[in-house]
Structure formats: C-alpha cells, structure tokens
C-alpha cells in the first residue's frame, strides 16, 4: 500500500500537467480527467508497460492510474508530460 504523502505528492504533480485533472480517488489509484482517454491510455501503455493506465467503463473522459513508488511515479509523470504536450 502506498503512503498518503506519496499519493498527495503525485496527485499534485499530475495537476501541474495541462490537460490532466486529478479527481477525488480512493486507495492506491488516481482517477484523471483527460481528453481522448482511450488514445492516451494506449500511448502510455505502449511506452511504459501494458496496464499502467486503464480507461474506466462508466466514467467518460477519464483514465485510472496506480500510485507506485516515487521512481515509477516520476517515470509516469514524464511520459504524460511528453504525450499531453
């Protein structure tokens, strides 16, 4: 389980990416409101690893990511910045 500090830090860093809006989330997951969620998830998963980002079925315009260790989170942040820019 991820500590609350890392989840808060990660969510704050995600919010600094234009076009990415973290939403209230529970557990080790963060829900993000984004444009073109299926395309973004496909590109992130292709670049990092399958399943890093998923698209929830009942929440339009969102993707879901798992909060990992700081190193993995930074890798995901960099990838999102590159792909959303």
Protein backbone atom coordinates (compact mmCIF):
# COMPACT_ATOMS: atom_id res chain seq x y z
CA UNK A 1 0.00 0.00 0.00
CA UNK A 2 1.24 3.47 -0.87
CA UNK A 3 1.54 6.08 1.86
CA UNK A 4 -0.76 9.09 1.74
CA UNK A 5 2.13 11.50 1.35
CA UNK A 6 3.27 9.94 -1.93
CA UNK A 7 -0.28 9.84 -3.29
CA UNK A 8 -0.80 13.52 -2.43
CA UNK A 9 2.58 14.48 -3.89
CA UNK A 10 1.89 12.51 -7.07
CA UNK A 11 -1.63 13.99 -7.47
CA UNK A 12 -0.22 17.49 -7.01
CA UNK A 13 2.42 16.90 -9.68
CA UNK A 14 -0.20 15.43 -12.03
CA UNK A 15 -2.33 18.57 -11.59
CA UNK A 16 0.57 20.66 -12.91
CA UNK A 17 0.28 18.99 -16.34
CA UNK A 18 -2.01 20.98 -18.66
CA UNK A 19 -4.99 18.86 -19.72
CA UNK A 20 -4.72 16.47 -16.77
CA UNK A 21 -7.11 16.96 -13.85
CA UNK A 22 -6.83 14.56 -10.87
CA UNK A 23 -10.19 13.73 -9.32
CA UNK A 24 -11.02 12.53 -5.79
CA UNK A 25 -9.89 8.90 -5.64
CA UNK A 26 -9.62 6.13 -3.06
CA UNK A 27 -6.98 3.52 -2.36
CA UNK A 28 -3.82 3.29 -4.43
CA UNK A 29 -5.47 4.68 -7.58
CA UNK A 30 -5.89 8.16 -9.00
CA UNK A 31 -8.64 8.99 -11.45
CA UNK A 32 -7.68 11.60 -14.04
CA UNK A 33 -9.96 13.63 -16.25
CA UNK A 34 -8.30 13.90 -19.68
CA UNK A 35 -9.10 14.46 -23.33
CA UNK A 36 -9.15 11.35 -25.52
CA UNK A 37 -8.72 8.83 -22.67
CA UNK A 38 -8.55 5.70 -24.85
CA UNK A 39 -5.84 7.19 -27.07
CA UNK A 40 -3.83 8.47 -24.10
CA UNK A 41 -4.05 5.11 -22.30
CA UNK A 42 -2.96 3.27 -25.45
CA UNK A 43 0.07 5.54 -25.88
CA UNK A 44 1.09 5.45 -22.19
CA UNK A 45 0.75 1.65 -22.01
CA UNK A 46 2.74 1.24 -25.21
CA UNK A 47 5.54 3.47 -23.91
CA UNK A 48 5.73 2.14 -20.32
CA UNK A 49 4.01 -1.23 -19.88
CA UNK A 50 0.58 -2.74 -20.55
CA UNK A 51 -1.92 -1.88 -17.83
CA UNK A 52 -0.13 1.19 -16.44
CA UNK A 53 -3.17 3.25 -17.39
CA UNK A 54 -6.73 1.99 -17.81
CA UNK A 55 -9.98 3.51 -19.02
CA UNK A 56 -12.93 3.01 -16.63
CA UNK A 57 -16.08 1.89 -18.46
CA UNK A 58 -18.63 4.04 -16.64
CA UNK A 59 -16.73 7.32 -16.31
CA UNK A 60 -16.45 9.20 -19.60
CA UNK A 61 -13.36 11.31 -20.15
CA UNK A 62 -11.24 9.61 -17.50
CA UNK A 63 -8.31 7.27 -17.07
CA UNK A 64 -7.10 5.48 -13.96
CA UNK A 65 -3.51 5.07 -12.80
CA UNK A 66 -1.96 3.22 -9.90
CA UNK A 67 0.17 5.12 -7.41
CA UNK A 68 3.51 3.37 -7.27
CA UNK A 69 6.86 4.12 -5.73
CA UNK A 70 8.32 7.62 -6.32
CA UNK A 71 10.60 6.41 -9.14
CA UNK A 72 7.74 4.77 -11.07
CA UNK A 73 5.52 7.80 -10.47
CA UNK A 74 8.17 10.16 -11.86
CA UNK A 75 8.53 7.98 -14.96
CA UNK A 76 4.75 8.15 -15.49
CA UNK A 77 4.74 11.94 -14.94
CA UNK A 78 7.45 12.41 -17.57
CA UNK A 79 5.60 10.20 -20.03
CA UNK A 80 2.33 12.09 -19.50
CA UNK A 81 4.06 15.45 -19.97
CA UNK A 82 5.59 14.22 -23.24
CA UNK A 83 2.33 12.79 -24.58
CA UNK A 84 -0.07 15.54 -23.50
CA UNK A 85 2.16 18.47 -24.55
